[in-house]
Amino acid sequence: MTELEELAGKLRRFAEVRDWERFHTPKNLAMALAGEVGELLAELQWLTPEEAASVMDDPEAAERLRSEVADVMIYLTRLADVLGIDLVEAACAKLDQSDRRYDAETYRGSARKAPPLA
């Protein structure tokens, strides 16, 4: 069992013992995930690029960031578990698709969008 599978199991049990499965619908979990991403963004919103790059040097800010990233991870993992999505498999498939879509020679150093794959 991978660490991610172990985390999904812990989250599943956490919800089960509290009788929260009925609330953990894909819609509700996606909305909760979006809210947590918003909270993560709020921690970085008004920082300069330099401040954002060194935010983990401030112990208080680092703890807030860790907490928000953990919330995002928890809701994403729970959503994937409810939907039966293997997060690692899905991420690897998406990376493979992006590798085909954004060949390194053409897109090196560029932020432009690639056309959809044919």
PDB file of N, CA and C in Angstrom:
ATOM      1  N   MET A   1       0.845  -1.183   0.000  1.00  0.00           N
ATOM      2  CA  MET A   1       0.000   0.000   0.000  1.00  0.00           C
ATOM      3  C   MET A   1       0.887   1.242   0.000  1.00  0.00           C
ATOM      4  N   THR A   2       0.576   2.168  -0.898  1.00  0.00           N
ATOM      5  CA  THR A   2       1.361   3.404  -0.964  1.00  0.00           C
ATOM      6  C   THR A   2       0.919   4.374   0.135  1.00  0.00           C
ATOM      7  N   GLU A   3       1.730   5.378   0.366  1.00  0.00           N
ATOM      8  CA  GLU A   3       1.379   6.396   1.363  1.00  0.00           C
ATOM      9  C   GLU A   3       0.089   7.108   0.979  1.00  0.00           C
ATOM     10  N   LEU A   4      -0.116   7.328  -0.311  1.00  0.00           N
ATOM     11  CA  LEU A   4      -1.329   7.996  -0.758  1.00  0.00           C
ATOM     12  C   LEU A   4      -2.559   7.110  -0.519  1.00  0.00           C
ATOM     13  N   GLU A   5      -2.432   5.821  -0.782  1.00  0.00           N
ATOM     14  CA  GLU A   5      -3.529   4.890  -0.497  1.00  0.00           C
ATOM     15  C   GLU A   5      -3.812   4.833   1.003  1.00  0.00           C
ATOM     16  N   GLU A   6      -2.767   4.875   1.789  1.00  0.00           N
ATOM     17  CA  GLU A   6      -2.920   4.873   3.243  1.00  0.00           C
ATOM     18  C   GLU A   6      -3.646   6.137   3.709  1.00  0.00           C
ATOM     19  N   LEU A   7      -3.277   7.277   3.144  1.00  0.00           N
ATOM     20  CA  LEU A   7      -3.952   8.526   3.483  1.00  0.00           C
ATOM     21  C   LEU A   7      -5.424   8.459   3.081  1.00  0.00           C
ATOM     22  N   ALA A   8      -5.722   7.968   1.896  1.00  0.00           N
ATOM     23  CA  ALA A   8      -7.115   7.853   1.451  1.00  0.00           C
ATOM     24  C   ALA A   8      -7.909   6.971   2.413  1.00  0.00           C
ATOM     25  N   GLY A   9      -7.309   5.886   2.864  1.00  0.00           N
ATOM     26  CA  GLY A   9      -7.975   5.005   3.826  1.00  0.00           C
ATOM     27  C   GLY A   9      -8.226   5.702   5.154  1.00  0.00           C
ATOM     28  N   LYS A  10      -7.253   6.463   5.628  1.00  0.00           N
ATOM     29  CA  LYS A  10      -7.429   7.212   6.880  1.00  0.00           C
ATOM     30  C   LYS A  10      -8.555   8.225   6.754  1.00  0.00           C
ATOM     31  N   LEU A  11      -8.602   8.910   5.623  1.00  0.00           N
ATOM     32  CA  LEU A  11      -9.656   9.901   5.400  1.00  0.00           C
ATOM     33  C   LEU A  11     -11.025   9.231   5.295  1.00  0.00           C
ATOM     34  N   ARG A  12     -11.062   8.079   4.634  1.00  0.00           N
ATOM     35  CA  ARG A  12     -12.317   7.323   4.513  1.00  0.00           C
ATOM     36  C   ARG A  12     -12.821   6.926   5.889  1.00  0.00           C
ATOM     37  N   ARG A  13     -11.926   6.387   6.723  1.00  0.00           N
ATOM     38  CA  ARG A  13     -12.311   5.985   8.083  1.00  0.00           C
ATOM     39  C   ARG A  13     -12.713   7.198   8.929  1.00  0.00           C
ATOM     40  N   PHE A  14     -12.010   8.298   8.782  1.00  0.00           N
ATOM     41  CA  PHE A  14     -12.335   9.536   9.492  1.00  0.00           C
ATOM     42  C   PHE A  14     -13.776   9.947   9.191  1.00  0.00           C
ATOM     43  N   ALA A  15     -14.149   9.892   7.911  1.00  0.00           N
ATOM     44  CA  ALA A  15     -15.515  10.257   7.517  1.00  0.00           C
ATOM     45  C   ALA A  15     -16.521   9.219   8.001  1.00  0.00           C
ATOM     46  N   GLU A  16     -16.175   7.949   7.901  1.00  0.00           N
ATOM     47  CA  GLU A  16     -17.099   6.869   8.297  1.00  0.00           C
ATOM     48  C   GLU A  16     -17.463   6.948   9.779  1.00  0.00           C
ATOM     49  N   VAL A  17     -16.484   7.118  10.649  1.00  0.00           N
ATOM     50  CA  VAL A  17     -16.773   7.093  12.087  1.00  0.00           C
ATOM     51  C   VAL A  17     -17.577   8.319  12.522  1.00  0.00           C
ATOM     52  N   ARG A  18     -17.597   9.352  11.690  1.00  0.00           N
ATOM     53  CA  ARG A  18     -18.380  10.546  11.997  1.00  0.00           C
ATOM     54  C   ARG A  18     -19.703  10.575  11.231  1.00  0.00           C
ATOM     55  N   ASP A  19     -19.942   9.516  10.433  1.00  0.00           N
ATOM     56  CA  ASP A  19     -21.139   9.423   9.592  1.00  0.00           C
ATOM     57  C   ASP A  19     -21.230  10.623   8.650  1.00  0.00           C
ATOM     58  N   TRP A  20     -20.103  10.941   8.033  1.00  0.00           N
ATOM     59  CA  TRP A  20     -20.041  12.084   7.119  1.00  0.00           C
ATOM     60  C   TRP A  20     -20.072  11.676   5.652  1.00  0.00           C
ATOM     61  N   GLU A  21     -20.131  10.373   5.341  1.00  0.00           N
ATOM     62  CA  GLU A  21     -20.090   9.963   3.935  1.00  0.00           C
ATOM     63  C   GLU A  21     -21.190  10.641   3.124  1.00  0.00           C
ATOM     64  N   ARG A  22     -22.366  10.819   3.735  1.00  0.00           N
ATOM     65  CA  ARG A  22     -23.491  11.430   3.010  1.00  0.00           C
ATOM     66  C   ARG A  22     -23.192  12.867   2.599  1.00  0.00           C
ATOM     67  N   PHE A  23     -22.295  13.523   3.313  1.00  0.00           N
ATOM     68  CA  PHE A  23     -21.920  14.891   2.965  1.00  0.00           C
ATOM     69  C   PHE A  23     -20.765  14.931   1.962  1.00  0.00           C
ATOM     70  N   HIS A  24     -20.045  13.829   1.865  1.00  0.00           N
ATOM     71  CA  HIS A  24     -18.864  13.781   1.005  1.00  0.00           C
ATOM     72  C   HIS A  24     -19.223  13.376  -0.411  1.00  0.00           C
ATOM     73  N   THR A  25     -20.110  14.166  -1.002  1.00  0.00           N
ATOM     74  CA  THR A  25     -20.463  13.962  -2.407  1.00  0.00           C
ATOM     75  C   THR A  25     -19.387  14.608  -3.273  1.00  0.00           C
ATOM     76  N   PRO A  26     -19.262  14.183  -4.519  1.00  0.00           N
ATOM     77  CA  PRO A  26     -18.263  14.830  -5.379  1.00  0.00           C
ATOM     78  C   PRO A  26     -18.439  16.348  -5.443  1.00  0.00           C
ATOM     79  N   LYS A  27     -19.686  16.825  -5.551  1.00  0.00           N
ATOM     80  CA  LYS A  27     -19.925  18.268  -5.609  1.00  0.00           C
ATOM     81  C   LYS A  27     -19.444  18.950  -4.331  1.00  0.00           C
ATOM     82  N   ASN A  28     -19.830  18.421  -3.185  1.00  0.00           N
ATOM     83  CA  ASN A  28     -19.445  19.047  -1.920  1.00  0.00           C
ATOM     84  C   ASN A  28     -17.940  19.023  -1.714  1.00  0.00           C
ATOM     85  N   LEU A  29     -17.313  17.914  -2.055  1.00  0.00           N
ATOM     86  CA  LEU A  29     -15.864  17.819  -1.892  1.00  0.00           C
ATOM     87  C   LEU A  29     -15.141  18.757  -2.847  1.00  0.00           C
ATOM     88  N   ALA A  30     -15.639  18.876  -4.085  1.00  0.00           N
ATOM     89  CA  ALA A  30     -15.019  19.804  -5.039  1.00  0.00           C
ATOM     90  C   ALA A  30     -15.163  21.240  -4.558  1.00  0.00           C
ATOM     91  N   MET A  31     -16.331  21.570  -3.997  1.00  0.00           N
ATOM     92  CA  MET A  31     -16.532  22.921  -3.474  1.00  0.00           C
ATOM     93  C   MET A  31     -15.621  23.183  -2.277  1.00  0.00           C
ATOM     94  N   ALA A  32     -15.482  22.203  -1.400  1.00  0.00           N
ATOM     95  CA  ALA A  32     -14.594  22.352  -0.251  1.00  0.00           C
ATOM     96  C   ALA A  32     -13.150  22.513  -0.713  1.00  0.00           C
ATOM     97  N   LEU A  33     -12.759  21.744  -1.724  1.00  0.00           N
ATOM     98  CA  LEU A  33     -11.417  21.844  -2.287  1.00  0.00           C
ATOM     99  C   LEU A  33     -11.180  23.251  -2.841  1.00  0.00           C
ATOM    100  N   ALA A  34     -12.147  23.765  -3.581  1.00  0.00           N
ATOM    101  CA  ALA A  34     -12.012  25.118  -4.138  1.00  0.00           C
ATOM    102  C   ALA A  34     -11.866  26.149  -3.020  1.00  0.00           C
ATOM    103  N   GLY A  35     -12.625  25.979  -1.956  1.00  0.00           N
ATOM    104  CA  GLY A  35     -12.515  26.900  -0.820  1.00  0.00           C
ATOM    105  C   GLY A  35     -11.143  26.863  -0.196  1.00  0.00           C
ATOM    106  N   GLU A  36     -10.607  25.663  -0.034  1.00  0.00           N
ATOM    107  CA  GLU A  36      -9.271  25.537   0.565  1.00  0.00           C
ATOM    108  C   GLU A  36      -8.196  26.093  -0.355  1.00  0.00           C
ATOM    109  N   VAL A  37      -8.350  25.917  -1.658  1.00  0.00           N
ATOM    110  CA  VAL A  37      -7.392  26.516  -2.596  1.00  0.00           C
ATOM    111  C   VAL A  37      -7.453  28.032  -2.471  1.00  0.00           C
ATOM    112  N   GLY A  38      -8.653  28.576  -2.290  1.00  0.00           N
ATOM    113  CA  GLY A  38      -8.790  30.013  -2.071  1.00  0.00           C
ATOM    114  C   GLY A  38      -8.057  30.468  -0.826  1.00  0.00           C
ATOM    115  N   GLU A  39      -8.146  29.683   0.240  1.00  0.00           N
ATOM    116  CA  GLU A  39      -7.436  30.032   1.474  1.00  0.00           C
ATOM    117  C   GLU A  39      -5.920  29.971   1.264  1.00  0.00           C
ATOM    118  N   LEU A  40      -5.466  29.006   0.480  1.00  0.00           N
ATOM    119  CA  LEU A  40      -4.042  28.919   0.152  1.00  0.00           C
ATOM    120  C   LEU A  40      -3.615  30.150  -0.652  1.00  0.00           C
ATOM    121  N   LEU A  41      -4.418  30.508  -1.632  1.00  0.00           N
ATOM    122  CA  LEU A  41      -4.110  31.693  -2.435  1.00  0.00           C
ATOM    123  C   LEU A  41      -4.059  32.953  -1.584  1.00  0.00           C
ATOM    124  N   ALA A  42      -4.956  33.057  -0.620  1.00  0.00           N
ATOM    125  CA  ALA A  42      -5.000  34.247   0.233  1.00  0.00           C
ATOM    126  C   ALA A  42      -3.693  34.433   0.999  1.00  0.00           C
ATOM    127  N   GLU A  43      -3.036  33.340   1.331  1.00  0.00           N
ATOM    128  CA  GLU A  43      -1.756  33.436   2.054  1.00  0.00           C
ATOM    129  C   GLU A  43      -0.651  34.044   1.185  1.00  0.00           C
ATOM    130  N   LEU A  44      -0.799  33.949  -0.127  1.00  0.00           N
ATOM    131  CA  LEU A  44       0.246  34.413  -1.044  1.00  0.00           C
ATOM    132  C   LEU A  44      -0.164  35.639  -1.852  1.00  0.00           C
ATOM    133  N   GLN A  45      -1.426  35.994  -1.769  1.00  0.00           N
ATOM    134  CA  GLN A  45      -2.029  36.963  -2.672  1.00  0.00           C
ATOM    135  C   GLN A  45      -1.263  38.265  -2.847  1.00  0.00           C
ATOM    136  N   TRP A  46      -0.895  38.916  -1.797  1.00  0.00           N
ATOM    137  CA  TRP A  46      -0.302  40.246  -1.927  1.00  0.00           C
ATOM    138  C   TRP A  46       1.217  40.251  -1.786  1.00  0.00           C
ATOM    139  N   LEU A  47       1.822  39.082  -1.810  1.00  0.00           N
ATOM    140  CA  LEU A  47       3.279  39.006  -1.717  1.00  0.00           C
ATOM    141  C   LEU A  47       3.916  39.291  -3.070  1.00  0.00           C
ATOM    142  N   THR A  48       5.072  39.901  -3.038  1.00  0.00           N
ATOM    143  CA  THR A  48       5.838  40.048  -4.275  1.00  0.00           C
ATOM    144  C   THR A  48       6.356  38.666  -4.672  1.00  0.00           C
ATOM    145  N   PRO A  49       6.807  38.491  -5.904  1.00  0.00           N
ATOM    146  CA  PRO A  49       7.383  37.201  -6.277  1.00  0.00           C
ATOM    147  C   PRO A  49       8.537  36.788  -5.356  1.00  0.00           C
ATOM    148  N   GLU A  50       9.345  37.756  -4.946  1.00  0.00           N
ATOM    149  CA  GLU A  50      10.468  37.458  -4.058  1.00  0.00           C
ATOM    150  C   GLU A  50       9.980  37.023  -2.677  1.00  0.00           C
ATOM    151  N   GLU A  51       8.984  37.723  -2.143  1.00  0.00           N
ATOM    152  CA  GLU A  51       8.429  37.356  -0.839  1.00  0.00           C
ATOM    153  C   GLU A  51       7.794  35.969  -0.894  1.00  0.00           C
ATOM    154  N   ALA A  52       7.079  35.686  -1.972  1.00  0.00           N
ATOM    155  CA  ALA A  52       6.443  34.377  -2.114  1.00  0.00           C
ATOM    156  C   ALA A  52       7.488  33.266  -2.185  1.00  0.00           C
ATOM    157  N   ALA A  53       8.591  33.531  -2.859  1.00  0.00           N
ATOM    158  CA  ALA A  53       9.647  32.522  -2.993  1.00  0.00           C
ATOM    159  C   ALA A  53      10.307  32.196  -1.666  1.00  0.00           C
ATOM    160  N   SER A  54      10.278  33.146  -0.734  1.00  0.00           N
ATOM    161  CA  SER A  54      10.938  32.914   0.554  1.00  0.00           C
ATOM    162  C   SER A  54       9.946  32.822   1.715  1.00  0.00           C
ATOM    163  N   VAL A  55       8.676  32.610   1.423  1.00  0.00           N
ATOM    164  CA  VAL A  55       7.648  32.602   2.459  1.00  0.00           C
ATOM    165  C   VAL A  55       7.899  31.532   3.524  1.00  0.00           C
ATOM    166  N   MET A  56       8.519  30.440   3.161  1.00  0.00           N
ATOM    167  CA  MET A  56       8.755  29.359   4.115  1.00  0.00           C
ATOM    168  C   MET A  56       9.869  29.687   5.101  1.00  0.00           C
ATOM    169  N   ASP A  57      10.560  30.797   4.885  1.00  0.00           N
ATOM    170  CA  ASP A  57      11.592  31.232   5.838  1.00  0.00           C
ATOM    171  C   ASP A  57      10.986  31.838   7.105  1.00  0.00           C
ATOM    172  N   ASP A  58       9.738  32.260   7.022  1.00  0.00           N
ATOM    173  CA  ASP A  58       9.027  32.831   8.171  1.00  0.00           C
ATOM    174  C   ASP A  58       8.249  31.701   8.841  1.00  0.00           C
ATOM    175  N   PRO A  59       8.623  31.309  10.061  1.00  0.00           N
ATOM    176  CA  PRO A  59       7.985  30.157  10.700  1.00  0.00           C
ATOM    177  C   PRO A  59       6.455  30.240  10.801  1.00  0.00           C
ATOM    178  N   GLU A  60       5.926  31.417  11.097  1.00  0.00           N
ATOM    179  CA  GLU A  60       4.470  31.552  11.214  1.00  0.00           C
ATOM    180  C   GLU A  60       3.786  31.408   9.856  1.00  0.00           C
ATOM    181  N   ALA A  61       4.340  32.065   8.853  1.00  0.00           N
ATOM    182  CA  ALA A  61       3.784  31.958   7.503  1.00  0.00           C
ATOM    183  C   ALA A  61       3.935  30.531   6.987  1.00  0.00           C
ATOM    184  N   ALA A  62       5.059  29.905   7.281  1.00  0.00           N
ATOM    185  CA  ALA A  62       5.299  28.533   6.836  1.00  0.00           C
ATOM    186  C   ALA A  62       4.262  27.585   7.423  1.00  0.00           C
ATOM    187  N   GLU A  63       3.923  27.764   8.682  1.00  0.00           N
ATOM    188  CA  GLU A  63       2.920  26.912   9.317  1.00  0.00           C
ATOM    189  C   GLU A  63       1.544  27.113   8.685  1.00  0.00           C
ATOM    190  N   ARG A  64       1.199  28.349   8.376  1.00  0.00           N
ATOM    191  CA  ARG A  64      -0.084  28.612   7.717  1.00  0.00           C
ATOM    192  C   ARG A  64      -0.122  27.976   6.329  1.00  0.00           C
ATOM    193  N   LEU A  65       0.989  28.098   5.596  1.00  0.00           N
ATOM    194  CA  LEU A  65       1.061  27.499   4.261  1.00  0.00           C
ATOM    195  C   LEU A  65       0.966  25.986   4.329  1.00  0.00           C
ATOM    196  N   ARG A  66       1.696  25.370   5.248  1.00  0.00           N
ATOM    197  CA  ARG A  66       1.635  23.911   5.412  1.00  0.00           C
ATOM    198  C   ARG A  66       0.207  23.463   5.706  1.00  0.00           C
ATOM    199  N   SER A  67      -0.465  24.200   6.567  1.00  0.00           N
ATOM    200  CA  SER A  67      -1.832  23.864   6.941  1.00  0.00           C
ATOM    201  C   SER A  67      -2.775  23.961   5.736  1.00  0.00           C
ATOM    202  N   GLU A  68      -2.645  25.015   4.950  1.00  0.00           N
ATOM    203  CA  GLU A  68      -3.523  25.177   3.780  1.00  0.00           C
ATOM    204  C   GLU A  68      -3.207  24.143   2.703  1.00  0.00           C
ATOM    205  N   VAL A  69      -1.935  23.865   2.473  1.00  0.00           N
ATOM    206  CA  VAL A  69      -1.565  22.828   1.502  1.00  0.00           C
ATOM    207  C   VAL A  69      -2.105  21.471   1.970  1.00  0.00           C
ATOM    208  N   ALA A  70      -2.033  21.212   3.270  1.00  0.00           N
ATOM    209  CA  ALA A  70      -2.572  19.955   3.814  1.00  0.00           C
ATOM    210  C   ALA A  70      -4.075  19.876   3.576  1.00  0.00           C
ATOM    211  N   ASP A  71      -4.804  20.969   3.795  1.00  0.00           N
ATOM    212  CA  ASP A  71      -6.243  20.966   3.543  1.00  0.00           C
ATOM    213  C   ASP A  71      -6.544  20.653   2.082  1.00  0.00           C
ATOM    214  N   VAL A  72      -5.791  21.258   1.168  1.00  0.00           N
ATOM    215  CA  VAL A  72      -5.979  20.994  -0.260  1.00  0.00           C
ATOM    216  C   VAL A  72      -5.720  19.516  -0.558  1.00  0.00           C
ATOM    217  N   MET A  73      -4.643  18.989  -0.013  1.00  0.00           N
ATOM    218  CA  MET A  73      -4.299  17.576  -0.222  1.00  0.00           C
ATOM    219  C   MET A  73      -5.391  16.655   0.322  1.00  0.00           C
ATOM    220  N   ILE A  74      -5.902  16.982   1.493  1.00  0.00           N
ATOM    221  CA  ILE A  74      -6.932  16.158   2.119  1.00  0.00           C
ATOM    222  C   ILE A  74      -8.193  16.126   1.258  1.00  0.00           C
ATOM    223  N   TYR A  75      -8.679  17.288   0.859  1.00  0.00           N
ATOM    224  CA  TYR A  75      -9.906  17.309   0.058  1.00  0.00           C
ATOM    225  C   TYR A  75      -9.698  16.699  -1.320  1.00  0.00           C
ATOM    226  N   LEU A  76      -8.542  16.924  -1.949  1.00  0.00           N
ATOM    227  CA  LEU A  76      -8.275  16.319  -3.252  1.00  0.00           C
ATOM    228  C   LEU A  76      -8.216  14.800  -3.135  1.00  0.00           C
ATOM    229  N   THR A  77      -7.536  14.320  -2.113  1.00  0.00           N
ATOM    230  CA  THR A  77      -7.424  12.872  -1.900  1.00  0.00           C
ATOM    231  C   THR A  77      -8.788  12.261  -1.624  1.00  0.00           C
ATOM    232  N   ARG A  78      -9.590  12.918  -0.809  1.00  0.00           N
ATOM    233  CA  ARG A  78     -10.928  12.413  -0.489  1.00  0.00           C
ATOM    234  C   ARG A  78     -11.818  12.413  -1.728  1.00  0.00           C
ATOM    235  N   LEU A  79     -11.766  13.476  -2.524  1.00  0.00           N
ATOM    236  CA  LEU A  79     -12.550  13.553  -3.756  1.00  0.00           C
ATOM    237  C   LEU A  79     -12.161  12.432  -4.715  1.00  0.00           C
ATOM    238  N   ALA A  80     -10.881  12.232  -4.908  1.00  0.00           N
ATOM    239  CA  ALA A  80     -10.416  11.168  -5.797  1.00  0.00           C
ATOM    240  C   ALA A  80     -10.869   9.801  -5.289  1.00  0.00           C
ATOM    241  N   ASP A  81     -10.804   9.595  -3.984  1.00  0.00           N
ATOM    242  CA  ASP A  81     -11.231   8.317  -3.404  1.00  0.00           C
ATOM    243  C   ASP A  81     -12.720   8.086  -3.648  1.00  0.00           C
ATOM    244  N   VAL A  82     -13.540   9.094  -3.413  1.00  0.00           N
ATOM    245  CA  VAL A  82     -14.987   8.965  -3.617  1.00  0.00           C
ATOM    246  C   VAL A  82     -15.307   8.671  -5.083  1.00  0.00           C
ATOM    247  N   LEU A  83     -14.543   9.273  -5.993  1.00  0.00           N
ATOM    248  CA  LEU A  83     -14.777   9.080  -7.423  1.00  0.00           C
ATOM    249  C   LEU A  83     -14.076   7.849  -7.993  1.00  0.00           C
ATOM    250  N   GLY A  84     -13.225   7.207  -7.192  1.00  0.00           N
ATOM    251  CA  GLY A  84     -12.494   6.043  -7.684  1.00  0.00           C
ATOM    252  C   GLY A  84     -11.361   6.401  -8.638  1.00  0.00           C
ATOM    253  N   ILE A  85     -10.785   7.564  -8.457  1.00  0.00           N
ATOM    254  CA  ILE A  85      -9.669   8.007  -9.309  1.00  0.00           C
ATOM    255  C   ILE A  85      -8.361   7.734  -8.593  1.00  0.00           C
ATOM    256  N   ASP A  86      -7.457   7.050  -9.277  1.00  0.00           N
ATOM    257  CA  ASP A  86      -6.099   6.850  -8.771  1.00  0.00           C
ATOM    258  C   ASP A  86      -5.330   8.133  -9.094  1.00  0.00           C
ATOM    259  N   LEU A  87      -5.036   8.926  -8.075  1.00  0.00           N
ATOM    260  CA  LEU A  87      -4.398  10.226  -8.284  1.00  0.00           C
ATOM    261  C   LEU A  87      -3.043  10.123  -8.986  1.00  0.00           C
ATOM    262  N   VAL A  88      -2.243   9.177  -8.579  1.00  0.00           N
ATOM    263  CA  VAL A  88      -0.911   9.046  -9.184  1.00  0.00           C
ATOM    264  C   VAL A  88      -1.041   8.635 -10.641  1.00  0.00           C
ATOM    265  N   GLU A  89      -1.899   7.686 -10.921  1.00  0.00           N
ATOM    266  CA  GLU A  89      -2.120   7.249 -12.304  1.00  0.00           C
ATOM    267  C   GLU A  89      -2.658   8.399 -13.158  1.00  0.00           C
ATOM    268  N   ALA A  90      -3.632   9.134 -12.629  1.00  0.00           N
ATOM    269  CA  ALA A  90      -4.212  10.260 -13.369  1.00  0.00           C
ATOM    270  C   ALA A  90      -3.167  11.345 -13.629  1.00  0.00           C
ATOM    271  N   ALA A  91      -2.355  11.652 -12.625  1.00  0.00           N
ATOM    272  CA  ALA A  91      -1.329  12.680 -12.787  1.00  0.00           C
ATOM    273  C   ALA A  91      -0.274  12.250 -13.805  1.00  0.00           C
ATOM    274  N   CYS A  92       0.123  10.993 -13.750  1.00  0.00           N
ATOM    275  CA  CYS A  92       1.111  10.498 -14.720  1.00  0.00           C
ATOM    276  C   CYS A  92       0.557  10.521 -16.140  1.00  0.00           C
ATOM    277  N   ALA A  93      -0.712  10.147 -16.303  1.00  0.00           N
ATOM    278  CA  ALA A  93      -1.352  10.178 -17.621  1.00  0.00           C
ATOM    279  C   ALA A  93      -1.410  11.612 -18.139  1.00  0.00           C
ATOM    280  N   LYS A  94      -1.749  12.550 -17.265  1.00  0.00           N
ATOM    281  CA  LYS A  94      -1.820  13.959 -17.660  1.00  0.00           C
ATOM    282  C   LYS A  94      -0.442  14.490 -18.029  1.00  0.00           C
ATOM    283  N   LEU A  95       0.574  14.104 -17.279  1.00  0.00           N
ATOM    284  CA  LEU A  95       1.937  14.526 -17.588  1.00  0.00           C
ATOM    285  C   LEU A  95       2.379  13.963 -18.939  1.00  0.00           C
ATOM    286  N   ASP A  96       2.050  12.710 -19.213  1.00  0.00           N
ATOM    287  CA  ASP A  96       2.376  12.112 -20.515  1.00  0.00           C
ATOM    288  C   ASP A  96       1.696  12.885 -21.644  1.00  0.00           C
ATOM    289  N   GLN A  97       0.427  13.241 -21.434  1.00  0.00           N
ATOM    290  CA  GLN A  97      -0.310  14.017 -22.436  1.00  0.00           C
ATOM    291  C   GLN A  97       0.346  15.383 -22.636  1.00  0.00           C
ATOM    292  N   SER A  98       0.720  16.034 -21.546  1.00  0.00           N
ATOM    293  CA  SER A  98       1.376  17.345 -21.642  1.00  0.00           C
ATOM    294  C   SER A  98       2.732  17.238 -22.318  1.00  0.00           C
ATOM    295  N   ASP A  99       3.424  16.131 -22.095  1.00  0.00           N
ATOM    296  CA  ASP A  99       4.719  15.913 -22.737  1.00  0.00           C
ATOM    297  C   ASP A  99       4.552  15.837 -24.252  1.00  0.00           C
ATOM    298  N   ARG A 100       3.472  15.193 -24.700  1.00  0.00           N
ATOM    299  CA  ARG A 100       3.206  15.121 -26.144  1.00  0.00           C
ATOM    300  C   ARG A 100       2.751  16.478 -26.680  1.00  0.00           C
ATOM    301  N   ARG A 101       1.974  17.181 -25.896  1.00  0.00           N
ATOM    302  CA  ARG A 101       1.395  18.453 -26.331  1.00  0.00           C
ATOM    303  C   ARG A 101       2.426  19.582 -26.344  1.00  0.00           C
ATOM    304  N   TYR A 102       3.301  19.576 -25.368  1.00  0.00           N
ATOM    305  CA  TYR A 102       4.306  20.631 -25.235  1.00  0.00           C
ATOM    306  C   TYR A 102       5.704  20.047 -25.422  1.00  0.00           C
ATOM    307  N   ASP A 103       6.071  19.782 -26.670  1.00  0.00           N
ATOM    308  CA  ASP A 103       7.409  19.217 -26.874  1.00  0.00           C
ATOM    309  C   ASP A 103       8.452  20.238 -26.423  1.00  0.00           C
ATOM    310  N   ALA A 104       9.491  19.724 -25.790  1.00  0.00           N
ATOM    311  CA  ALA A 104      10.485  20.584 -25.126  1.00  0.00           C
ATOM    312  C   ALA A 104      11.168  21.550 -26.091  1.00  0.00           C
ATOM    313  N   GLU A 105      11.444  21.099 -27.283  1.00  0.00           N
ATOM    314  CA  GLU A 105      12.168  21.953 -28.222  1.00  0.00           C
ATOM    315  C   GLU A 105      11.337  23.164 -28.642  1.00  0.00           C
ATOM    316  N   THR A 106      10.053  22.955 -28.870  1.00  0.00           N
ATOM    317  CA  THR A 106       9.181  24.036 -29.326  1.00  0.00           C
ATOM    318  C   THR A 106       8.794  24.986 -28.196  1.00  0.00           C
ATOM    319  N   TYR A 107       8.578  24.447 -26.995  1.00  0.00           N
ATOM    320  CA  TYR A 107       8.018  25.241 -25.908  1.00  0.00           C
ATOM    321  C   TYR A 107       9.013  25.626 -24.810  1.00  0.00           C
ATOM    322  N   ARG A 108      10.292  25.301 -24.968  1.00  0.00           N
ATOM    323  CA  ARG A 108      11.285  25.663 -23.951  1.00  0.00           C
ATOM    324  C   ARG A 108      11.290  27.174 -23.737  1.00  0.00           C
ATOM    325  N   GLY A 109      11.077  27.595 -22.498  1.00  0.00           N
ATOM    326  CA  GLY A 109      11.124  29.013 -22.147  1.00  0.00           C
ATOM    327  C   GLY A 109       9.897  29.809 -22.561  1.00  0.00           C
ATOM    328  N   SER A 110       8.877  29.138 -23.057  1.00  0.00           N
ATOM    329  CA  SER A 110       7.679  29.831 -23.528  1.00  0.00           C
ATOM    330  C   SER A 110       6.488  29.507 -22.644  1.00  0.00           C
ATOM    331  N   ALA A 111       5.639  30.491 -22.403  1.00  0.00           N
ATOM    332  CA  ALA A 111       4.417  30.284 -21.603  1.00  0.00           C
ATOM    333  C   ALA A 111       3.185  30.203 -22.506  1.00  0.00           C
ATOM    334  N   ARG A 112       3.382  30.152 -23.814  1.00  0.00           N
ATOM    335  CA  ARG A 112       2.230  30.142 -24.700  1.00  0.00           C
ATOM    336  C   ARG A 112       1.508  28.800 -24.652  1.00  0.00           C
ATOM    337  N   LYS A 113       0.227  28.832 -24.916  1.00  0.00           N
ATOM    338  CA  LYS A 113      -0.645  27.660 -24.859  1.00  0.00           C
ATOM    339  C   LYS A 113      -0.482  26.852 -26.143  1.00  0.00           C
ATOM    340  N   ALA A 114      -0.466  25.543 -25.975  1.00  0.00           N
ATOM    341  CA  ALA A 114      -0.383  24.656 -27.136  1.00  0.00           C
ATOM    342  C   ALA A 114      -1.791  24.359 -27.651  1.00  0.00           C
ATOM    343  N   PRO A 115      -1.902  24.060 -28.934  1.00  0.00           N
ATOM    344  CA  PRO A 115      -3.221  23.650 -29.438  1.00  0.00           C
ATOM    345  C   PRO A 115      -3.589  22.277 -28.848  1.00  0.00           C
ATOM    346  N   PRO A 116      -4.886  21.965 -28.837  1.00  0.00           N
ATOM    347  CA  PRO A 116      -5.283  20.636 -28.333  1.00  0.00           C
ATOM    348  C   PRO A 116      -4.643  19.511 -29.136  1.00  0.00           C
ATOM    349  N   LEU A 117      -4.448  18.378 -28.498  1.00  0.00           N
ATOM    350  CA  LEU A 117      -3.921  17.218 -29.213  1.00  0.00           C
ATOM    351  C   LEU A 117      -4.954  16.748 -30.236  1.00  0.00           C
ATOM    352  N   ALA A 118      -4.463  16.338 -31.372  1.00  0.00           N
ATOM    353  CA  ALA A 118      -5.367  15.854 -32.439  1.00  0.00           C
ATOM    354  C   ALA A 118      -5.802  14.440 -32.155  1.00  0.00           C
TER     355      ALA A 118
END
